[in-house]
């Protein structure tokens, strides 16, 4: 048994779409994280790792930004990856042409749709926004591209106008419409309502592009799928503008383990992918980050360690090897004899009960004095106790 999840999940009788597409935007929205700038080789390595995971679509970049960005996107499209390669494009002919020059499979084109965006960012009327958007969709479809149309700030957009713009896009042959929760302002219940309302009029694919300003990007994405959406935008490690986007590893593992929705991903590559992205974007993964954080499979509390040694699933929802992680027993002030025994076993030490008791006591004392119990520190403690007991 590799995992053990609450039996009440199945009682909820949740229904997901038969087909779900995960498109990753680490190389585009992820790179828009303040301070992040990825070179061609870095983007290429991340794209290859995403492909090893068997991601469905990769949003490789925003070609119109610069010549180097175009070179990076083209380097990815020339790799012959299994994933579909998309790029971002404004609703402008020159953006779409730049994408075409990079030989992408498709584009995501976008238009601010909320009144606040139309007035203060786009500076156009609703009718003008509608016309501009459809011209872009039409032009892209004429060039045989996969086309996704994203209504920016959709979750703060008037519902009637949102339906109008999506229905128009559908009539122009768009392959998918995107709900951009641009400032993470919707709730899971709100997303459920919105997607169900859109499904009354929209038959094409509906994707959720969620930001994590209130820590609800993952919940909103899953709520959208349950309500009838069938695609989700993600980033590795949840990076992205401000608080980031829906975390790829969290979504994949939540669907696979918690909800029992297997999308065929190569789960063993999750940890390595996370580390590659961490290395290139230079944003350290928090120790307590879900799924890929250092602490997810680290145990210190004596009560926990006793149980984990007997049966790991007592304090782990799934085994670390499933995603390329490893379990670590950490020694500290909460450690008991079982943890110390396990550590001693790694070094082939066999001690009597008195020696074991003294080592446990010394481990607690050293940690409470502010020193971390590394392997080197632990071995020093063992030497100290053994020398003392043998001498006495």
Protein backbone atom coordinates (compact mmCIF):
# COMPACT_ATOMS: atom_id res chain seq x y z
CA UNK A 1 0.00 0.00 0.00
CA UNK A 2 1.52 3.31 -1.14
CA UNK A 3 -1.05 5.66 0.34
CA UNK A 4 -3.90 5.79 2.82
CA UNK A 5 -6.52 8.54 2.46
CA UNK A 6 -9.70 9.35 4.34
CA UNK A 7 -12.53 6.98 3.36
CA UNK A 8 -14.94 9.91 3.54
CA UNK A 9 -13.61 11.29 0.26
CA UNK A 10 -15.47 8.60 -1.66
CA UNK A 11 -18.64 9.20 0.31
CA UNK A 12 -18.82 12.69 -1.20
CA UNK A 13 -19.44 11.14 -4.67
CA UNK A 14 -17.60 13.88 -6.51
CA UNK A 15 -17.61 13.67 -10.29
CA UNK A 16 -14.74 14.93 -12.43
CA UNK A 17 -14.63 15.36 -16.23
CA UNK A 18 -13.54 12.30 -18.18
CA UNK A 19 -10.65 14.23 -19.70
CA UNK A 20 -8.62 16.87 -17.86
CA UNK A 21 -5.80 18.92 -19.35
CA UNK A 22 -3.03 20.34 -17.20
CA UNK A 23 -1.11 23.10 -18.94
CA UNK A 24 1.92 24.41 -17.12
CA UNK A 25 2.93 28.06 -17.26
CA UNK A 26 6.12 27.95 -15.19
CA UNK A 27 8.07 29.24 -18.20
CA UNK A 28 5.69 32.17 -18.72
CA UNK A 29 3.68 33.21 -15.65
CA UNK A 30 6.26 31.58 -13.40
CA UNK A 31 8.98 33.67 -15.01
CA UNK A 32 6.92 36.78 -14.27
CA UNK A 33 7.76 36.25 -10.60
CA UNK A 34 9.61 39.44 -9.60
CA UNK A 35 13.35 38.93 -9.96
CA UNK A 36 13.15 35.79 -12.11
CA UNK A 37 14.71 35.70 -15.59
CA UNK A 38 15.30 32.39 -17.34
CA UNK A 39 17.80 31.86 -20.14
CA UNK A 40 17.30 29.53 -23.10
CA UNK A 41 19.15 26.58 -21.58
CA UNK A 42 17.32 26.96 -18.27
CA UNK A 43 13.94 27.07 -19.98
CA UNK A 44 14.88 24.10 -22.10
CA UNK A 45 15.90 22.00 -19.10
CA UNK A 46 12.65 22.81 -17.27
CA UNK A 47 10.60 22.00 -20.38
CA UNK A 48 12.32 18.63 -20.72
CA UNK A 49 11.64 17.83 -17.06
CA UNK A 50 7.98 18.82 -17.50
CA UNK A 51 7.81 16.50 -20.49
CA UNK A 52 9.29 13.67 -18.41
CA UNK A 53 6.41 14.22 -16.00
CA UNK A 54 4.13 13.75 -19.04
CA UNK A 55 2.55 17.18 -18.74
CA UNK A 56 -0.12 17.77 -21.38
CA UNK A 57 0.75 21.30 -22.48
CA UNK A 58 3.65 23.66 -21.80
CA UNK A 59 3.21 27.41 -22.08
CA UNK A 60 6.78 28.06 -23.13
CA UNK A 61 6.88 31.84 -23.00
CA UNK A 62 5.80 35.18 -24.43
CA UNK A 63 7.66 35.49 -27.78
CA UNK A 64 6.93 39.15 -28.48
CA UNK A 65 8.83 40.16 -25.31
CA UNK A 66 12.29 39.87 -26.87
CA UNK A 67 14.46 38.18 -29.48
CA UNK A 68 15.98 35.96 -26.79
CA UNK A 69 12.53 34.92 -25.62
CA UNK A 70 11.71 33.87 -29.17
CA UNK A 71 14.93 31.86 -29.34
CA UNK A 72 14.04 30.14 -26.06
CA UNK A 73 10.55 29.21 -27.22
CA UNK A 74 11.86 27.98 -30.57
CA UNK A 75 14.49 25.86 -28.81
CA UNK A 76 11.67 24.15 -26.93
CA UNK A 77 9.46 23.60 -29.98
CA UNK A 78 12.42 22.07 -31.84
CA UNK A 79 12.94 19.41 -29.15
CA UNK A 80 10.14 17.16 -30.37
CA UNK A 81 8.59 16.91 -26.92
CA UNK A 82 5.39 14.94 -26.39
CA UNK A 83 3.68 17.90 -24.73
CA UNK A 84 1.85 20.46 -26.83
CA UNK A 85 3.82 23.73 -26.84
CA UNK A 86 1.85 26.94 -26.39
CA UNK A 87 2.89 30.56 -26.05
CA UNK A 88 1.21 33.72 -24.83
CA UNK A 89 0.08 36.40 -27.26
CA UNK A 90 -1.76 39.64 -26.82
CA UNK A 91 -4.73 40.19 -29.12
CA UNK A 92 -2.38 41.68 -31.67
CA UNK A 93 -1.32 40.37 -35.08
CA UNK A 94 2.38 40.97 -34.37
CA UNK A 95 2.18 38.84 -31.20
CA UNK A 96 0.55 35.98 -33.05
CA UNK A 97 3.08 36.26 -35.88
CA UNK A 98 5.90 36.06 -33.32
CA UNK A 99 4.34 32.90 -31.94
CA UNK A 100 3.99 31.43 -35.44
CA UNK A 101 7.67 32.14 -36.09
CA UNK A 102 8.48 29.99 -33.06
CA UNK A 103 6.55 27.01 -34.50
CA UNK A 104 4.31 26.64 -31.46
CA UNK A 105 1.32 24.32 -31.51
CA UNK A 106 -0.96 26.97 -30.15
CA UNK A 107 -1.41 30.27 -28.36
CA UNK A 108 -3.17 31.68 -25.33
CA UNK A 109 -4.43 35.14 -26.21
CA UNK A 110 -5.97 37.42 -23.63
CA UNK A 111 -8.02 40.53 -23.07
CA UNK A 112 -8.83 42.36 -19.85
CA UNK A 113 -12.57 41.87 -19.41
CA UNK A 114 -13.57 43.43 -16.10
CA UNK A 115 -14.72 47.03 -16.09
CA UNK A 116 -11.75 48.04 -13.97
CA UNK A 117 -9.34 46.51 -16.52
CA UNK A 118 -11.19 47.90 -19.52
CA UNK A 119 -11.18 51.40 -18.07
CA UNK A 120 -7.77 51.65 -16.44
CA UNK A 121 -5.63 49.16 -18.38
CA UNK A 122 -7.10 48.51 -21.83
CA UNK A 123 -8.83 51.91 -22.14
CA UNK A 124 -11.44 50.47 -24.51
CA UNK A 125 -15.18 49.85 -24.35
CA UNK A 126 -16.72 46.39 -24.05
CA UNK A 127 -17.66 46.41 -27.72
CA UNK A 128 -14.15 47.42 -28.73
CA UNK A 129 -12.65 44.69 -26.52
CA UNK A 130 -14.98 42.15 -28.09
CA UNK A 131 -14.03 43.14 -31.63
CA UNK A 132 -10.29 43.17 -30.91
CA UNK A 133 -10.45 39.76 -29.25
CA UNK A 134 -12.38 38.09 -32.05
CA UNK A 135 -10.05 39.49 -34.71
CA UNK A 136 -7.15 37.87 -32.88
CA UNK A 137 -8.92 34.54 -32.44
CA UNK A 138 -9.92 34.51 -36.09
CA UNK A 139 -6.40 35.32 -37.28
CA UNK A 140 -4.85 32.60 -35.13
CA UNK A 141 -7.38 29.97 -36.22
CA UNK A 142 -6.70 30.87 -39.86
CA UNK A 143 -3.14 29.72 -39.19
CA UNK A 144 -4.25 26.34 -37.80
CA UNK A 145 -3.20 27.06 -34.22
CA UNK A 146 -4.71 25.65 -31.07
CA UNK A 147 -6.27 28.78 -29.59
CA UNK A 148 -7.23 29.44 -26.01
CA UNK A 149 -8.88 32.75 -25.19
CA UNK A 150 -8.38 34.11 -21.70
CA UNK A 151 -10.62 36.76 -20.17
CA UNK A 152 -8.24 38.51 -17.83
CA UNK A 153 -9.77 39.32 -14.44
CA UNK A 154 -12.71 37.08 -15.41
CA UNK A 155 -13.71 36.49 -11.80
CA UNK A 156 -14.47 40.20 -11.38
CA UNK A 157 -16.17 40.56 -14.76
CA UNK A 158 -19.89 41.11 -15.33
CA UNK A 159 -21.37 37.65 -15.96
CA UNK A 160 -23.45 38.64 -18.98
CA UNK A 161 -20.45 40.22 -20.68
CA UNK A 162 -18.25 37.26 -19.76
CA UNK A 163 -20.75 34.89 -21.36
CA UNK A 164 -20.97 37.12 -24.42
CA UNK A 165 -17.21 37.24 -25.00
CA UNK A 166 -16.78 33.48 -24.43
CA UNK A 167 -19.73 32.59 -26.70
CA UNK A 168 -18.33 34.84 -29.40
CA UNK A 169 -14.92 33.18 -29.04
CA UNK A 170 -16.59 29.79 -29.32
CA UNK A 171 -18.37 30.85 -32.50
CA UNK A 172 -14.98 31.86 -33.95
CA UNK A 173 -13.63 28.36 -33.31
CA UNK A 174 -11.64 28.87 -30.13
CA UNK A 175 -10.47 25.57 -28.61
CA UNK A 176 -10.71 26.62 -24.97
CA UNK A 177 -11.71 29.61 -22.87
CA UNK A 178 -9.80 30.54 -19.74
CA UNK A 179 -11.17 31.91 -16.50
CA UNK A 180 -8.33 34.08 -15.20
CA UNK A 181 -8.70 34.70 -11.47
CA UNK A 182 -6.14 37.44 -11.89
CA UNK A 183 -5.92 38.62 -8.29
CA UNK A 184 -7.06 35.40 -6.61
CA UNK A 185 -10.29 37.09 -5.54
CA UNK A 186 -12.82 34.29 -6.04
CA UNK A 187 -13.77 31.59 -3.52
CA UNK A 188 -14.19 27.89 -4.33
CA UNK A 189 -17.95 28.35 -3.97
CA UNK A 190 -17.81 31.34 -6.31
CA UNK A 191 -15.80 29.34 -8.85
CA UNK A 192 -18.32 26.52 -8.65
CA UNK A 193 -21.15 28.98 -9.38
CA UNK A 194 -19.28 30.71 -12.20
CA UNK A 195 -18.29 27.56 -14.07
CA UNK A 196 -21.79 26.08 -13.78
CA UNK A 197 -23.25 29.32 -15.12
CA UNK A 198 -20.82 29.35 -18.04
CA UNK A 199 -21.53 25.69 -18.80
CA UNK A 200 -25.16 26.63 -19.51
CA UNK A 201 -23.96 28.48 -22.61
CA UNK A 202 -20.44 27.23 -23.36
CA UNK A 203 -19.66 23.79 -24.79
CA UNK A 204 -15.95 24.29 -25.52
CA UNK A 205 -13.19 23.62 -23.01
CA UNK A 206 -13.09 25.75 -19.87
CA UNK A 207 -9.83 26.27 -18.01
CA UNK A 208 -9.05 27.78 -14.63
CA UNK A 209 -6.01 30.05 -14.31
CA UNK A 210 -5.90 30.79 -10.60
CA UNK A 211 -3.66 33.02 -8.52
CA UNK A 212 -2.92 32.34 -4.88
CA UNK A 213 -3.34 35.74 -3.21
CA UNK A 214 -5.67 34.25 -0.58
CA UNK A 215 -4.15 30.77 -0.60
CA UNK A 216 -7.08 29.32 -2.55
CA UNK A 217 -5.62 28.71 -6.01
CA UNK A 218 -5.60 24.93 -5.63
CA UNK A 219 -9.10 24.81 -4.09
CA UNK A 220 -10.47 27.11 -6.79
CA UNK A 221 -8.92 24.99 -9.55
CA UNK A 222 -10.41 21.79 -8.17
CA UNK A 223 -13.78 23.47 -7.60
CA UNK A 224 -13.76 24.55 -11.24
CA UNK A 225 -13.07 21.00 -12.43
CA UNK A 226 -15.89 19.56 -10.32
CA UNK A 227 -18.26 22.22 -11.67
CA UNK A 228 -17.54 21.31 -15.29
CA UNK A 229 -14.22 22.88 -16.25
CA UNK A 230 -11.70 20.57 -17.86
CA UNK A 231 -8.32 22.28 -17.80
CA UNK A 232 -6.09 23.89 -15.18
CA UNK A 233 -3.10 26.21 -15.39
CA UNK A 234 -0.22 25.44 -13.01
CA UNK A 235 3.34 26.40 -12.12
CA UNK A 236 6.03 24.24 -10.55
CA UNK A 237 6.43 25.08 -6.85
CA UNK A 238 3.48 27.45 -7.20
CA UNK A 239 5.66 30.34 -8.38
CA UNK A 240 4.25 33.30 -10.28
CA UNK A 241 3.25 36.90 -9.85
CA UNK A 242 2.67 38.04 -6.26
CA UNK A 243 1.63 34.94 -4.24
CA UNK A 244 1.99 32.68 -7.26
CA UNK A 245 -0.26 30.28 -9.16
CA UNK A 246 -1.84 26.89 -8.63
CA UNK A 247 1.02 24.55 -7.70
CA UNK A 248 1.54 21.79 -10.27
CA UNK A 249 2.75 19.22 -7.75
CA UNK A 250 -0.09 19.97 -5.32
CA UNK A 251 -2.76 19.69 -8.02
CA UNK A 252 -1.34 16.49 -9.49
CA UNK A 253 -1.03 14.76 -6.12
CA UNK A 254 -4.39 16.00 -4.83
CA UNK A 255 -6.13 14.67 -7.95
CA UNK A 256 -4.18 11.41 -7.94
CA UNK A 257 -4.23 10.53 -4.24
CA UNK A 258 -7.06 12.46 -2.59
CA UNK A 259 -9.59 12.27 -5.42
CA UNK A 260 -8.41 9.13 -7.20
CA UNK A 261 -8.12 10.87 -10.59
CA UNK A 262 -5.12 9.35 -12.36
CA UNK A 263 -4.00 11.49 -15.30
CA UNK A 264 -1.05 9.26 -16.15
CA UNK A 265 1.70 11.51 -14.84
CA UNK A 266 5.17 10.16 -14.06
CA UNK A 267 4.95 10.97 -10.35
CA UNK A 268 8.50 9.88 -9.58
CA UNK A 269 9.77 12.92 -11.49
CA UNK A 270 7.95 15.46 -9.31
CA UNK A 271 10.76 16.02 -6.79
CA UNK A 272 13.45 16.32 -9.44
CA UNK A 273 11.33 18.78 -11.48
CA UNK A 274 10.77 20.86 -8.37
CA UNK A 275 14.51 20.97 -7.63
CA UNK A 276 15.39 21.95 -11.20
CA UNK A 277 12.95 24.86 -11.09
CA UNK A 278 14.19 25.89 -7.63
CA UNK A 279 17.75 25.94 -8.95
CA UNK A 280 16.99 28.07 -12.00
CA UNK A 281 14.54 30.58 -10.52
CA UNK A 282 16.62 30.89 -7.33
CA UNK A 283 13.57 30.88 -5.07
CA UNK A 284 14.13 28.42 -2.19
CA UNK A 285 11.35 25.93 -1.56
CA UNK A 286 9.93 26.43 1.92
CA UNK A 287 10.70 23.51 4.24
CA UNK A 288 6.98 23.05 4.92
CA UNK A 289 5.90 23.41 1.28
CA UNK A 290 3.23 20.86 0.39
CA UNK A 291 4.41 17.73 -1.47
CA UNK A 292 8.01 18.84 -2.23
CA UNK A 293 9.07 20.60 0.99
CA UNK A 294 11.94 19.17 3.02
CA UNK A 295 9.74 18.58 6.09
CA UNK A 296 6.94 16.63 4.42
CA UNK A 297 8.65 13.31 5.17
CA UNK A 298 10.81 14.35 8.12
CA UNK A 299 9.83 13.17 11.60
CA UNK A 300 11.18 14.23 14.98
CA UNK A 301 8.48 13.71 17.63
CA UNK A 302 9.17 10.50 19.52
CA UNK A 303 5.53 9.41 19.42
CA UNK A 304 5.40 9.96 15.65
CA UNK A 305 8.73 8.28 14.97
CA UNK A 306 7.74 5.16 16.92
CA UNK A 307 4.65 4.83 14.75
CA UNK A 308 6.40 5.67 11.46
CA UNK A 309 9.06 3.03 12.06
CA UNK A 310 6.27 0.48 12.58
CA UNK A 311 4.05 1.74 9.71
CA UNK A 312 4.97 4.89 7.70
CA UNK A 313 1.37 5.59 6.70
CA UNK A 314 0.46 6.37 10.31
CA UNK A 315 1.92 9.85 9.77
CA UNK A 316 2.32 10.03 6.00
CA UNK A 317 -0.59 10.17 3.52
CA UNK A 318 1.57 8.47 0.87
CA UNK A 319 5.05 6.99 0.68
CA UNK A 320 7.83 9.46 -0.26
CA UNK A 321 9.26 7.19 -2.96
CA UNK A 322 6.09 7.74 -4.98
CA UNK A 323 7.29 11.24 -5.94
CA UNK A 324 11.05 10.75 -5.67
CA UNK A 325 11.28 11.94 -2.05
CA UNK A 326 12.95 10.21 0.91
CA UNK A 327 11.99 9.81 4.55
CA UNK A 328 14.23 11.30 7.22
CA UNK A 329 14.16 10.78 10.96
CA UNK A 330 15.31 14.00 12.58
CA UNK A 331 16.85 14.02 16.03
CA UNK A 332 16.01 16.81 18.46
CA UNK A 333 14.37 17.69 21.78
CA UNK A 334 11.27 15.64 20.90
CA UNK A 335 13.20 12.48 19.98
CA UNK A 336 12.77 9.22 21.82
CA UNK A 337 14.68 5.97 22.03
CA UNK A 338 13.20 4.54 18.81
CA UNK A 339 14.54 7.38 16.67
CA UNK A 340 17.97 7.18 18.25
CA UNK A 341 17.98 3.38 17.81
CA UNK A 342 17.11 3.79 14.13
CA UNK A 343 19.92 6.30 13.71
CA UNK A 344 22.40 4.07 15.50
CA UNK A 345 21.38 1.19 13.24
CA UNK A 346 22.47 3.23 10.21
CA UNK A 347 25.98 3.20 11.61
CA UNK A 348 25.90 -0.42 12.83
CA UNK A 349 26.10 0.55 16.50
CA UNK A 350 24.72 -1.85 19.09
CA UNK A 351 24.36 -0.26 22.52
CA UNK A 352 22.99 -1.37 25.86
CA UNK A 353 19.97 0.28 27.47
CA UNK A 354 22.05 2.57 29.70
CA UNK A 355 24.11 3.89 26.78
CA UNK A 356 20.96 4.40 24.71
CA UNK A 357 19.28 6.31 27.53
CA UNK A 358 22.29 8.59 27.95
CA UNK A 359 22.51 9.30 24.22
CA UNK A 360 18.81 10.21 24.08
CA UNK A 361 19.32 12.55 27.02
CA UNK A 362 22.39 14.17 25.44
CA UNK A 363 20.62 14.62 22.08
CA UNK A 364 17.84 16.58 23.80
CA UNK A 365 20.34 18.69 25.76
CA UNK A 366 22.47 19.56 22.74
CA UNK A 367 19.43 20.55 20.66
CA UNK A 368 17.93 22.67 23.44
CA UNK A 369 21.25 24.49 23.64
CA UNK A 370 20.72 25.61 20.05
CA UNK A 371 22.76 23.11 18.07
CA UNK A 372 21.24 21.12 15.20
CA UNK A 373 21.75 17.36 15.42
CA UNK A 374 23.53 16.68 12.16
CA UNK A 375 25.06 13.25 11.53
CA UNK A 376 28.43 14.64 12.56
CA UNK A 377 27.04 16.06 15.82
CA UNK A 378 25.22 12.79 16.51
CA UNK A 379 28.38 10.74 16.06
CA UNK A 380 30.23 13.10 18.41
CA UNK A 381 27.49 12.52 21.00
CA UNK A 382 27.80 8.75 20.58
CA UNK A 383 31.60 8.90 20.98
CA UNK A 384 31.25 11.09 24.06
CA UNK A 385 28.74 8.78 25.77
CA UNK A 386 30.58 5.58 24.87
CA UNK A 387 33.89 6.94 26.10
CA UNK A 388 32.27 8.14 29.33
CA UNK A 389 30.43 4.88 30.10
CA UNK A 390 33.43 2.74 29.19
CA UNK A 391 35.68 4.90 31.36
CA UNK A 392 33.34 4.68 34.32
